[in-house]
Amino acid sequence: MVFEYAPLIAKYGYVATFVGSLIEGETILILSGLAAHRGYLDFTLVVLAGAVGGALGDVCYFLLGRHYRDQLLQRSPKLEPGIARVRTMIERHPDGTIFSVRFLYGLRIVGPIAIGSTHVSLARFTAMNAIGALAWSVCWAGAGFVLGKSAERLLGELSRYEGTIVVGVLAVAGIAALVLQWRRRAHARSA
């Protein structure tokens, strides 16, 4: 029996893109861009789902920083260096920091929390964050789309390998989820 994944991608792809973008998003946006290249999803809708999910997730993190920064630092003191770095950046270039923090390694979640703990208003953050989220979504979904084109050129007709790619991605995602769960349990036992 052949597993038919195309209808699943077409049915749940935008929702998966939105939900994945709420938290991190780069990987799901690349995969969604690849699905758009293959014709399973519309590229514009992938970008919009990613941008809305990314922006909404960051607003939630901003509000966490605004209202619960001290409690978060007590629970996770390892956040302090990232928060201090972003606070320094926000003093020099507030709009540029809000726009670009999602592109800076290790600051995707900590950045909005840190910005929420500063003088930046929610309206200013929301506006600049929306622009940054749109650019971020175009960047990563576009990378997936271009990756699809490149892979098709390198591998010939990509459809021969789609099943293997999907199984591989699902296997990697499953292993990553297990490792994260194991690390959380180990962290909880040591705390």
Foldseek 3Di string as FASTA:
>chain_A
DDDDCLVVCLVCVLVCQLQCLLPQRLVSLLVSLLCCLVVSDPLVSSLVSNLVSNLVSLLVLLVCLQPPVVVVCVVPVVLVVLLVVLLVVCVVPVLVSLLCQSVDPPRSRSNSSSNSNDPDDSVSSSVSNSNSSSVSSCVSSVNSNVVNVVCCVVVPHCVVCVVVVVVVVVVVVVVVVVVVVVVVVVVVVVD
